[in-house]
Amino acid sequence: MMQASKKIPFDDPMVLNGVRAMYILSNVLILAINFYVKLQIDKKKDMTVIKYVEPAPMGSAEEPKSVTTTIYAYDSQQLRSLFKAQLMGVGMMAVMHIYFKYTNPLVIQSIIPVKSAFEGNLIKIHLFGKPASGELKRPWKTNTGLMGAMQGGEIKTDKKSVEAAEKANRGGAKEE
């Protein structure tokens, strides 16, 4: 994609404005999808309780934290993080394009975020109507890349881990 964007004549103001319009349109599309998902989450308002153990951040001395929430609250939190990620992306692109005058990333950032939006778990469940089972069962696994490793590991949902974390968070006797 980067090689193809180098072939685009950004010197032509019509082409540049067209690419800018494509970038804005892609972000408006993602925003519209996220608002629709928010409406679906609010409409369903699923109060089913889910429990899981959130891993301690990497390098910290904290214990894994037990989390008890509802599907409605979990989905709302995930949607807020999608909105924040989109806002960060737009902010970074604004700095790169307006301040540093980079134009090539506009093309790439018009396509990749839309593709990622349609591959998200919330979108699969609330827009496409897929059942929340298997890989789509909440809580969702974190990315296994660099950011997933920095957060300290994967979320555990087995009963033994949840009970152990609940016991530890209540100030129970610590075993050494």
N, C-alpha and C. Protein backbone atom coordinates (compact mmCIF):
# COMPACT_ATOMS: atom_id res chain seq x y z
N MET A 1 0.82 -1.19 0.00
CA MET A 1 0.00 0.00 0.00
C MET A 1 0.87 1.26 0.00
N MET A 2 1.97 1.19 0.77
CA MET A 2 2.86 2.34 0.84
C MET A 2 3.48 2.62 -0.54
N GLN A 3 3.83 1.55 -1.26
CA GLN A 3 4.40 1.73 -2.60
C GLN A 3 3.39 2.34 -3.55
N ALA A 4 2.13 1.91 -3.43
CA ALA A 4 1.09 2.45 -4.30
C ALA A 4 0.83 3.92 -3.99
N SER A 5 0.91 4.28 -2.70
CA SER A 5 0.66 5.68 -2.34
C SER A 5 1.76 6.61 -2.84
N LYS A 6 2.94 6.07 -3.10
CA LYS A 6 4.03 6.89 -3.63
C LYS A 6 3.79 7.26 -5.10
N LYS A 7 2.94 6.50 -5.78
CA LYS A 7 2.65 6.76 -7.19
C LYS A 7 1.57 7.83 -7.37
N ILE A 8 0.89 8.20 -6.27
CA ILE A 8 -0.20 9.18 -6.36
C ILE A 8 0.40 10.58 -6.46
N PRO A 9 -0.07 11.38 -7.44
CA PRO A 9 0.48 12.74 -7.60
C PRO A 9 -0.14 13.72 -6.59
N PHE A 10 0.44 13.81 -5.40
CA PHE A 10 -0.09 14.68 -4.36
C PHE A 10 0.17 16.16 -4.64
N ASP A 11 0.96 16.46 -5.68
CA ASP A 11 1.21 17.85 -6.06
C ASP A 11 -0.04 18.50 -6.62
N ASP A 12 -0.91 17.70 -7.21
CA ASP A 12 -2.16 18.18 -7.78
C ASP A 12 -3.14 18.45 -6.63
N PRO A 13 -3.62 19.68 -6.47
CA PRO A 13 -4.53 20.01 -5.37
C PRO A 13 -5.85 19.20 -5.40
N MET A 14 -6.32 18.85 -6.59
CA MET A 14 -7.55 18.06 -6.69
C MET A 14 -7.34 16.66 -6.12
N VAL A 15 -6.21 16.06 -6.41
CA VAL A 15 -5.89 14.73 -5.91
C VAL A 15 -5.72 14.78 -4.39
N LEU A 16 -4.99 15.77 -3.92
CA LEU A 16 -4.77 15.92 -2.49
C LEU A 16 -6.08 16.11 -1.74
N ASN A 17 -6.94 16.95 -2.26
CA ASN A 17 -8.25 17.16 -1.62
C ASN A 17 -9.11 15.91 -1.69
N GLY A 18 -8.99 15.16 -2.76
CA GLY A 18 -9.73 13.90 -2.88
C GLY A 18 -9.27 12.89 -1.84
N VAL A 19 -7.96 12.80 -1.62
CA VAL A 19 -7.41 11.88 -0.61
C VAL A 19 -7.83 12.33 0.79
N ARG A 20 -7.80 13.64 1.02
CA ARG A 20 -8.27 14.17 2.31
C ARG A 20 -9.74 13.83 2.54
N ALA A 21 -10.54 13.99 1.50
CA ALA A 21 -11.96 13.67 1.61
C ALA A 21 -12.16 12.17 1.88
N MET A 22 -11.36 11.34 1.22
CA MET A 22 -11.45 9.89 1.46
C MET A 22 -11.10 9.57 2.91
N TYR A 23 -10.08 10.23 3.47
CA TYR A 23 -9.69 10.00 4.86
C TYR A 23 -10.81 10.43 5.81
N ILE A 24 -11.37 11.60 5.56
CA ILE A 24 -12.46 12.09 6.41
C ILE A 24 -13.67 11.18 6.30
N LEU A 25 -14.00 10.74 5.11
CA LEU A 25 -15.14 9.85 4.90
C LEU A 25 -14.95 8.52 5.62
N SER A 26 -13.74 7.99 5.58
CA SER A 26 -13.48 6.71 6.26
C SER A 26 -13.64 6.87 7.77
N ASN A 27 -13.22 7.99 8.33
CA ASN A 27 -13.38 8.21 9.77
C ASN A 27 -14.84 8.45 10.15
N VAL A 28 -15.58 9.11 9.28
CA VAL A 28 -17.01 9.31 9.53
C VAL A 28 -17.72 7.95 9.48
N LEU A 29 -17.32 7.08 8.55
CA LEU A 29 -17.89 5.73 8.47
C LEU A 29 -17.63 4.94 9.75
N ILE A 30 -16.39 4.99 10.24
CA ILE A 30 -16.05 4.28 11.48
C ILE A 30 -16.84 4.85 12.65
N LEU A 31 -16.96 6.16 12.71
CA LEU A 31 -17.72 6.81 13.77
C LEU A 31 -19.20 6.41 13.72
N ALA A 32 -19.76 6.36 12.51
CA ALA A 32 -21.16 5.96 12.34
C ALA A 32 -21.36 4.50 12.79
N ILE A 33 -20.44 3.63 12.43
CA ILE A 33 -20.52 2.23 12.86
C ILE A 33 -20.47 2.14 14.37
N ASN A 34 -19.54 2.87 14.99
CA ASN A 34 -19.42 2.84 16.45
C ASN A 34 -20.67 3.39 17.14
N PHE A 35 -21.27 4.45 16.59
CA PHE A 35 -22.51 4.97 17.17
C PHE A 35 -23.65 3.97 17.03
N TYR A 36 -23.72 3.28 15.89
CA TYR A 36 -24.75 2.26 15.72
C TYR A 36 -24.55 1.14 16.73
N VAL A 37 -23.31 0.73 16.94
CA VAL A 37 -23.02 -0.32 17.93
C VAL A 37 -23.41 0.16 19.32
N LYS A 38 -23.15 1.44 19.62
CA LYS A 38 -23.56 1.99 20.92
C LYS A 38 -25.07 1.91 21.09
N LEU A 39 -25.79 2.25 20.04
CA LEU A 39 -27.26 2.15 20.11
C LEU A 39 -27.70 0.70 20.36
N GLN A 40 -27.03 -0.24 19.71
CA GLN A 40 -27.37 -1.66 19.90
C GLN A 40 -27.05 -2.12 21.33
N ILE A 41 -25.92 -1.68 21.86
CA ILE A 41 -25.54 -2.04 23.23
C ILE A 41 -26.55 -1.47 24.21
N ASP A 42 -26.94 -0.20 24.02
CA ASP A 42 -27.92 0.43 24.91
C ASP A 42 -29.29 -0.21 24.77
N LYS A 43 -29.64 -0.64 23.57
CA LYS A 43 -30.94 -1.28 23.34
C LYS A 43 -31.01 -2.64 24.03
N LYS A 44 -29.94 -3.43 23.90
CA LYS A 44 -29.92 -4.77 24.51
C LYS A 44 -29.77 -4.67 26.02
N LYS A 45 -28.90 -3.80 26.49
CA LYS A 45 -28.62 -3.58 27.91
C LYS A 45 -28.56 -4.91 28.67
N ASP A 46 -27.66 -5.79 28.21
CA ASP A 46 -27.50 -7.13 28.78
C ASP A 46 -26.81 -7.04 30.14
N MET A 47 -27.55 -7.37 31.20
CA MET A 47 -27.03 -7.28 32.56
C MET A 47 -26.51 -8.62 33.08
N THR A 48 -26.14 -9.52 32.19
CA THR A 48 -25.54 -10.79 32.58
C THR A 48 -24.18 -10.52 33.19
N VAL A 49 -23.92 -11.12 34.35
CA VAL A 49 -22.67 -10.89 35.06
C VAL A 49 -21.57 -11.77 34.48
N ILE A 50 -20.40 -11.16 34.28
CA ILE A 50 -19.22 -11.93 33.87
C ILE A 50 -18.10 -11.64 34.87
N LYS A 51 -17.32 -12.66 35.16
CA LYS A 51 -16.19 -12.54 36.07
C LYS A 51 -14.94 -13.00 35.34
N TYR A 52 -13.86 -12.27 35.58
CA TYR A 52 -12.58 -12.66 35.01
C TYR A 52 -11.46 -12.07 35.84
N VAL A 53 -10.27 -12.53 35.58
CA VAL A 53 -9.09 -12.05 36.29
C VAL A 53 -8.24 -11.27 35.30
N GLU A 54 -8.03 -9.99 35.62
CA GLU A 54 -7.21 -9.13 34.81
C GLU A 54 -5.77 -9.28 35.26
N PRO A 55 -4.84 -9.56 34.36
CA PRO A 55 -3.45 -9.76 34.78
C PRO A 55 -2.83 -8.46 35.31
N ALA A 56 -1.87 -8.59 36.18
CA ALA A 56 -1.14 -7.42 36.69
C ALA A 56 -0.28 -6.86 35.58
N PRO A 57 -0.10 -5.55 35.56
CA PRO A 57 0.78 -4.96 34.54
C PRO A 57 2.20 -5.53 34.65
N MET A 58 2.84 -5.69 33.51
CA MET A 58 4.17 -6.28 33.48
C MET A 58 5.16 -5.40 34.26
N GLY A 59 5.93 -6.03 35.10
CA GLY A 59 6.93 -5.32 35.87
C GLY A 59 6.44 -4.74 37.18
N SER A 60 5.14 -4.90 37.46
CA SER A 60 4.63 -4.37 38.72
C SER A 60 4.54 -5.49 39.75
N ALA A 61 4.48 -5.10 41.01
CA ALA A 61 4.40 -6.09 42.09
C ALA A 61 2.95 -6.36 42.47
N GLU A 62 2.01 -5.82 41.71
CA GLU A 62 0.59 -6.00 42.01
C GLU A 62 0.15 -7.44 41.74
N GLU A 63 -0.92 -7.81 42.43
CA GLU A 63 -1.54 -9.11 42.21
C GLU A 63 -2.52 -8.99 41.04
N PRO A 64 -2.80 -10.09 40.36
CA PRO A 64 -3.86 -10.05 39.34
C PRO A 64 -5.17 -9.60 39.99
N LYS A 65 -5.95 -8.81 39.27
CA LYS A 65 -7.14 -8.21 39.83
C LYS A 65 -8.40 -8.93 39.35
N SER A 66 -9.27 -9.25 40.29
CA SER A 66 -10.55 -9.87 39.98
C SER A 66 -11.52 -8.79 39.52
N VAL A 67 -12.21 -9.04 38.40
CA VAL A 67 -13.16 -8.07 37.86
C VAL A 67 -14.52 -8.75 37.73
N THR A 68 -15.53 -8.11 38.30
CA THR A 68 -16.91 -8.56 38.16
C THR A 68 -17.68 -7.43 37.51
N THR A 69 -18.25 -7.69 36.34
CA THR A 69 -18.96 -6.66 35.60
C THR A 69 -20.12 -7.29 34.84
N THR A 70 -20.85 -6.46 34.12
CA THR A 70 -21.93 -6.97 33.28
C THR A 70 -21.48 -6.89 31.82
N ILE A 71 -22.18 -7.61 30.98
CA ILE A 71 -21.87 -7.57 29.55
C ILE A 71 -22.09 -6.15 29.02
N TYR A 72 -23.13 -5.48 29.50
CA TYR A 72 -23.41 -4.11 29.09
C TYR A 72 -22.24 -3.18 29.44
N ALA A 73 -21.74 -3.26 30.66
CA ALA A 73 -20.63 -2.42 31.10
C ALA A 73 -19.35 -2.78 30.35
N TYR A 74 -19.11 -4.08 30.14
CA TYR A 74 -17.92 -4.53 29.43
C TYR A 74 -17.93 -4.03 27.99
N ASP A 75 -19.06 -4.19 27.31
CA ASP A 75 -19.16 -3.73 25.92
C ASP A 75 -19.03 -2.21 25.84
N SER A 76 -19.62 -1.49 26.80
CA SER A 76 -19.50 -0.03 26.81
C SER A 76 -18.05 0.40 27.00
N GLN A 77 -17.34 -0.30 27.88
CA GLN A 77 -15.92 0.01 28.11
C GLN A 77 -15.11 -0.26 26.84
N GLN A 78 -15.37 -1.38 26.18
CA GLN A 78 -14.66 -1.71 24.95
C GLN A 78 -14.95 -0.68 23.86
N LEU A 79 -16.20 -0.22 23.79
CA LEU A 79 -16.57 0.79 22.79
C LEU A 79 -15.88 2.12 23.08
N ARG A 80 -15.79 2.50 24.36
CA ARG A 80 -15.06 3.72 24.71
C ARG A 80 -13.60 3.63 24.27
N SER A 81 -13.00 2.45 24.44
CA SER A 81 -11.60 2.30 24.01
C SER A 81 -11.49 2.39 22.49
N LEU A 82 -12.51 1.94 21.75
CA LEU A 82 -12.49 2.10 20.29
C LEU A 82 -12.57 3.57 19.90
N PHE A 83 -13.44 4.33 20.58
CA PHE A 83 -13.54 5.76 20.31
C PHE A 83 -12.22 6.46 20.60
N LYS A 84 -11.58 6.12 21.73
CA LYS A 84 -10.30 6.74 22.09
C LYS A 84 -9.23 6.41 21.06
N ALA A 85 -9.20 5.16 20.61
CA ALA A 85 -8.20 4.75 19.62
C ALA A 85 -8.40 5.51 18.31
N GLN A 86 -9.66 5.69 17.91
CA GLN A 86 -9.91 6.43 16.68
C GLN A 86 -9.50 7.89 16.84
N LEU A 87 -9.80 8.47 17.99
CA LEU A 87 -9.43 9.86 18.24
C LEU A 87 -7.92 10.04 18.24
N MET A 88 -7.21 9.07 18.83
CA MET A 88 -5.74 9.13 18.83
C MET A 88 -5.20 9.04 17.40
N GLY A 89 -5.77 8.16 16.60
CA GLY A 89 -5.35 8.01 15.21
C GLY A 89 -5.57 9.28 14.40
N VAL A 90 -6.73 9.91 14.60
CA VAL A 90 -7.02 11.15 13.88
C VAL A 90 -6.06 12.25 14.35
N GLY A 91 -5.80 12.29 15.64
CA GLY A 91 -4.87 13.30 16.17
C GLY A 91 -3.47 13.12 15.62
N MET A 92 -3.01 11.88 15.58
CA MET A 92 -1.67 11.62 15.04
C MET A 92 -1.59 11.97 13.55
N MET A 93 -2.65 11.62 12.81
CA MET A 93 -2.68 11.95 11.38
C MET A 93 -2.72 13.45 11.17
N ALA A 94 -3.46 14.16 12.03
CA ALA A 94 -3.53 15.62 11.91
C ALA A 94 -2.14 16.23 12.11
N VAL A 95 -1.42 15.77 13.10
CA VAL A 95 -0.07 16.28 13.33
C VAL A 95 0.84 15.93 12.15
N MET A 96 0.77 14.68 11.71
CA MET A 96 1.64 14.27 10.60
C MET A 96 1.33 15.03 9.31
N HIS A 97 0.04 15.26 9.05
CA HIS A 97 -0.34 15.88 7.79
C HIS A 97 -0.24 17.41 7.85
N ILE A 98 -0.75 18.01 8.91
CA ILE A 98 -0.77 19.47 8.97
C ILE A 98 0.59 20.03 9.37
N TYR A 99 1.20 19.46 10.39
CA TYR A 99 2.46 20.02 10.90
C TYR A 99 3.67 19.55 10.08
N PHE A 100 3.77 18.24 9.82
CA PHE A 100 4.93 17.71 9.10
C PHE A 100 4.73 17.60 7.60
N LYS A 101 3.52 17.86 7.11
CA LYS A 101 3.19 17.86 5.68
C LYS A 101 3.32 16.49 5.01
N TYR A 102 3.14 15.39 5.77
CA TYR A 102 3.14 14.05 5.18
C TYR A 102 1.77 13.78 4.58
N THR A 103 1.74 13.29 3.35
CA THR A 103 0.47 13.03 2.69
C THR A 103 0.25 11.54 2.41
N ASN A 104 1.30 10.77 2.25
CA ASN A 104 1.16 9.35 1.94
C ASN A 104 0.36 8.57 2.99
N PRO A 105 0.55 8.82 4.29
CA PRO A 105 -0.21 8.05 5.29
C PRO A 105 -1.72 8.27 5.21
N LEU A 106 -2.16 9.36 4.58
CA LEU A 106 -3.60 9.58 4.45
C LEU A 106 -4.29 8.44 3.70
N VAL A 107 -3.61 7.95 2.66
CA VAL A 107 -4.18 6.87 1.86
C VAL A 107 -4.29 5.59 2.70
N ILE A 108 -3.21 5.26 3.38
CA ILE A 108 -3.18 4.03 4.17
C ILE A 108 -4.16 4.11 5.33
N GLN A 109 -4.21 5.29 6.00
CA GLN A 109 -5.10 5.45 7.14
C GLN A 109 -6.55 5.63 6.72
N SER A 110 -6.82 5.67 5.45
CA SER A 110 -8.20 5.67 4.96
C SER A 110 -8.72 4.26 4.79
N ILE A 111 -7.81 3.29 4.69
CA ILE A 111 -8.20 1.91 4.41
C ILE A 111 -8.07 1.00 5.62
N ILE A 112 -6.90 1.01 6.26
CA ILE A 112 -6.62 0.06 7.34
C ILE A 112 -7.57 0.20 8.53
N PRO A 113 -7.87 1.42 9.04
CA PRO A 113 -8.80 1.50 10.17
C PRO A 113 -10.21 0.99 9.85
N VAL A 114 -10.66 1.20 8.62
CA VAL A 114 -11.99 0.69 8.24
C VAL A 114 -11.97 -0.83 8.25
N LYS A 115 -10.91 -1.42 7.71
CA LYS A 115 -10.77 -2.87 7.72
C LYS A 115 -10.73 -3.38 9.15
N SER A 116 -9.96 -2.73 10.01
CA SER A 116 -9.86 -3.14 11.42
C SER A 116 -11.19 -2.99 12.14
N ALA A 117 -11.94 -1.95 11.80
CA ALA A 117 -13.24 -1.74 12.45
C ALA A 117 -14.19 -2.89 12.15
N PHE A 118 -14.20 -3.36 10.93
CA PHE A 118 -15.10 -4.45 10.56
C PHE A 118 -14.64 -5.80 11.12
N GLU A 119 -13.39 -5.89 11.56
CA GLU A 119 -12.89 -7.12 12.14
C GLU A 119 -12.99 -7.15 13.67
N GLY A 120 -13.45 -6.05 14.29
CA GLY A 120 -13.54 -5.96 15.73
C GLY A 120 -14.64 -6.85 16.30
N ASN A 121 -14.43 -7.32 17.52
CA ASN A 121 -15.39 -8.22 18.17
C ASN A 121 -16.75 -7.57 18.41
N LEU A 122 -16.76 -6.31 18.86
CA LEU A 122 -18.03 -5.62 19.09
C LEU A 122 -18.83 -5.51 17.81
N ILE A 123 -18.17 -5.20 16.71
CA ILE A 123 -18.85 -5.05 15.43
C ILE A 123 -19.39 -6.39 14.96
N LYS A 124 -18.60 -7.45 15.14
CA LYS A 124 -19.06 -8.78 14.74
C LYS A 124 -20.33 -9.18 15.50
N ILE A 125 -20.38 -8.84 16.79
CA ILE A 125 -21.53 -9.23 17.61
C ILE A 125 -22.73 -8.32 17.37
N HIS A 126 -22.52 -7.00 17.46
CA HIS A 126 -23.65 -6.07 17.44
C HIS A 126 -24.07 -5.60 16.05
N LEU A 127 -23.18 -5.62 15.07
CA LEU A 127 -23.54 -5.19 13.72
C LEU A 127 -23.90 -6.38 12.84
N PHE A 128 -23.07 -7.42 12.89
CA PHE A 128 -23.30 -8.59 12.04
C PHE A 128 -24.15 -9.66 12.72
N GLY A 129 -24.42 -9.51 14.02
CA GLY A 129 -25.30 -10.44 14.73
C GLY A 129 -24.73 -11.81 15.00
N LYS A 130 -23.41 -11.93 15.05
CA LYS A 130 -22.81 -13.22 15.36
C LYS A 130 -22.99 -13.52 16.85
N PRO A 131 -23.17 -14.79 17.20
CA PRO A 131 -23.34 -15.13 18.62
C PRO A 131 -22.03 -14.94 19.39
N ALA A 132 -22.16 -14.53 20.65
CA ALA A 132 -20.98 -14.28 21.50
C ALA A 132 -20.51 -15.57 22.13
N SER A 133 -20.03 -16.47 21.30
CA SER A 133 -19.52 -17.75 21.80
C SER A 133 -18.22 -18.06 21.07
N GLY A 134 -17.48 -19.01 21.63
CA GLY A 134 -16.19 -19.36 21.04
C GLY A 134 -15.20 -18.23 21.18
N GLU A 135 -14.65 -17.79 20.07
CA GLU A 135 -13.67 -16.71 20.09
C GLU A 135 -14.30 -15.36 20.45
N LEU A 136 -15.59 -15.23 20.26
CA LEU A 136 -16.28 -13.98 20.57
C LEU A 136 -16.85 -13.94 21.99
N LYS A 137 -16.55 -14.98 22.79
CA LYS A 137 -17.04 -15.01 24.16
C LYS A 137 -16.28 -13.98 24.98
N ARG A 138 -17.05 -13.23 25.76
CA ARG A 138 -16.44 -12.20 26.62
C ARG A 138 -15.85 -12.83 27.85
N PRO A 139 -14.80 -12.31 28.42
CA PRO A 139 -13.94 -11.22 27.96
C PRO A 139 -13.03 -11.68 26.83
N TRP A 140 -12.73 -10.75 25.95
CA TRP A 140 -11.92 -11.09 24.78
C TRP A 140 -10.45 -11.12 25.13
N LYS A 141 -9.76 -11.96 24.43
CA LYS A 141 -8.31 -12.07 24.63
C LYS A 141 -7.64 -10.79 24.15
N THR A 142 -6.59 -10.40 24.87
CA THR A 142 -5.85 -9.21 24.46
C THR A 142 -4.94 -9.56 23.30
N ASN A 143 -4.45 -8.54 22.65
CA ASN A 143 -3.52 -8.76 21.54
C ASN A 143 -2.27 -9.45 22.07
N THR A 144 -1.77 -10.39 21.31
CA THR A 144 -0.57 -11.11 21.74
C THR A 144 0.70 -10.41 21.30
N GLY A 145 0.58 -9.25 20.72
CA GLY A 145 1.76 -8.52 20.26
C GLY A 145 2.46 -7.82 21.41
N LEU A 146 3.15 -6.75 21.08
CA LEU A 146 3.92 -6.01 22.06
C LEU A 146 3.04 -5.42 23.15
N MET A 147 1.91 -4.84 22.77
CA MET A 147 1.03 -4.22 23.77
C MET A 147 0.41 -5.28 24.69
N GLY A 148 0.09 -6.43 24.18
CA GLY A 148 -0.44 -7.51 25.00
C GLY A 148 0.59 -7.98 26.01
N ALA A 149 1.85 -8.04 25.60
CA ALA A 149 2.91 -8.45 26.51
C ALA A 149 3.16 -7.39 27.58
N MET A 150 3.01 -6.14 27.23
CA MET A 150 3.23 -5.05 28.19
C MET A 150 2.15 -5.04 29.27
N GLN A 151 0.94 -5.50 28.93
CA GLN A 151 -0.14 -5.51 29.90
C GLN A 151 0.00 -6.65 30.89
N GLY A 152 0.83 -7.59 30.63
CA GLY A 152 1.12 -8.62 31.61
C GLY A 152 0.57 -9.99 31.33
N GLY A 153 -0.02 -10.24 30.22
CA GLY A 153 -0.50 -11.57 29.92
C GLY A 153 -1.96 -11.57 29.50
N GLU A 154 -2.54 -12.77 29.57
CA GLU A 154 -3.91 -12.89 29.09
C GLU A 154 -4.90 -12.92 30.25
N ILE A 155 -6.14 -12.61 29.91
CA ILE A 155 -7.23 -12.59 30.88
C ILE A 155 -7.64 -14.03 31.16
N LYS A 156 -7.84 -14.35 32.44
CA LYS A 156 -8.24 -15.70 32.82
C LYS A 156 -9.70 -15.69 33.26
N THR A 157 -10.45 -16.70 32.80
CA THR A 157 -11.86 -16.77 33.15
C THR A 157 -12.22 -18.06 33.89
N ASP A 158 -11.23 -18.94 34.10
CA ASP A 158 -11.56 -20.20 34.77
C ASP A 158 -11.92 -19.93 36.23
N LYS A 159 -12.78 -20.78 36.77
CA LYS A 159 -13.34 -20.59 38.11
C LYS A 159 -12.25 -20.53 39.18
N LYS A 160 -11.25 -21.37 39.06
CA LYS A 160 -10.18 -21.44 40.05
C LYS A 160 -9.42 -20.11 40.13
N SER A 161 -9.06 -19.54 38.98
CA SER A 161 -8.33 -18.27 38.93
C SER A 161 -9.17 -17.13 39.49
N VAL A 162 -10.47 -17.11 39.14
CA VAL A 162 -11.36 -16.05 39.61
C VAL A 162 -11.49 -16.10 41.13
N GLU A 163 -11.70 -17.30 41.67
CA GLU A 163 -11.85 -17.44 43.13
C GLU A 163 -10.56 -17.07 43.85
N ALA A 164 -9.42 -17.45 43.30
CA ALA A 164 -8.14 -17.12 43.93
C ALA A 164 -7.92 -15.61 43.95
N ALA A 165 -8.24 -14.93 42.86
CA ALA A 165 -8.07 -13.49 42.79
C ALA A 165 -9.04 -12.76 43.71
N GLU A 166 -10.28 -13.27 43.79
CA GLU A 166 -11.26 -12.67 44.70
C GLU A 166 -10.79 -12.79 46.14
N LYS A 167 -10.26 -13.95 46.48
CA LYS A 167 -9.76 -14.18 47.84
C LYS A 167 -8.59 -13.24 48.14
N ALA A 168 -7.69 -13.09 47.20
CA ALA A 168 -6.51 -12.24 47.39
C ALA A 168 -6.91 -10.77 47.51
N ASN A 169 -7.92 -10.34 46.75
CA ASN A 169 -8.34 -8.94 46.78
C ASN A 169 -9.14 -8.59 48.03
N ARG A 170 -9.67 -9.56 48.73
CA ARG A 170 -10.43 -9.30 49.95
C ARG A 170 -9.52 -9.15 51.17
N GLY A 171 -8.25 -9.30 50.98
CA GLY A 171 -7.33 -9.16 52.10
C GLY A 171 -7.15 -10.47 52.85
N GLY A 172 -7.36 -11.57 52.16
CA GLY A 172 -7.19 -12.89 52.79
C GLY A 172 -5.73 -13.13 53.13
N ALA A 173 -5.47 -14.20 53.82
CA ALA A 173 -4.10 -14.53 54.21
C ALA A 173 -3.26 -14.78 52.97
N LYS A 174 -2.13 -14.13 52.91
CA LYS A 174 -1.24 -14.29 51.78
C LYS A 174 -0.30 -15.45 52.03
N GLU A 175 -0.23 -16.35 51.08
CA GLU A 175 0.67 -17.50 51.23
C GLU A 175 2.02 -17.13 50.64
N GLU A 176 3.07 -17.46 51.38
CA GLU A 176 4.41 -17.15 50.87
C GLU A 176 5.22 -18.38 50.70
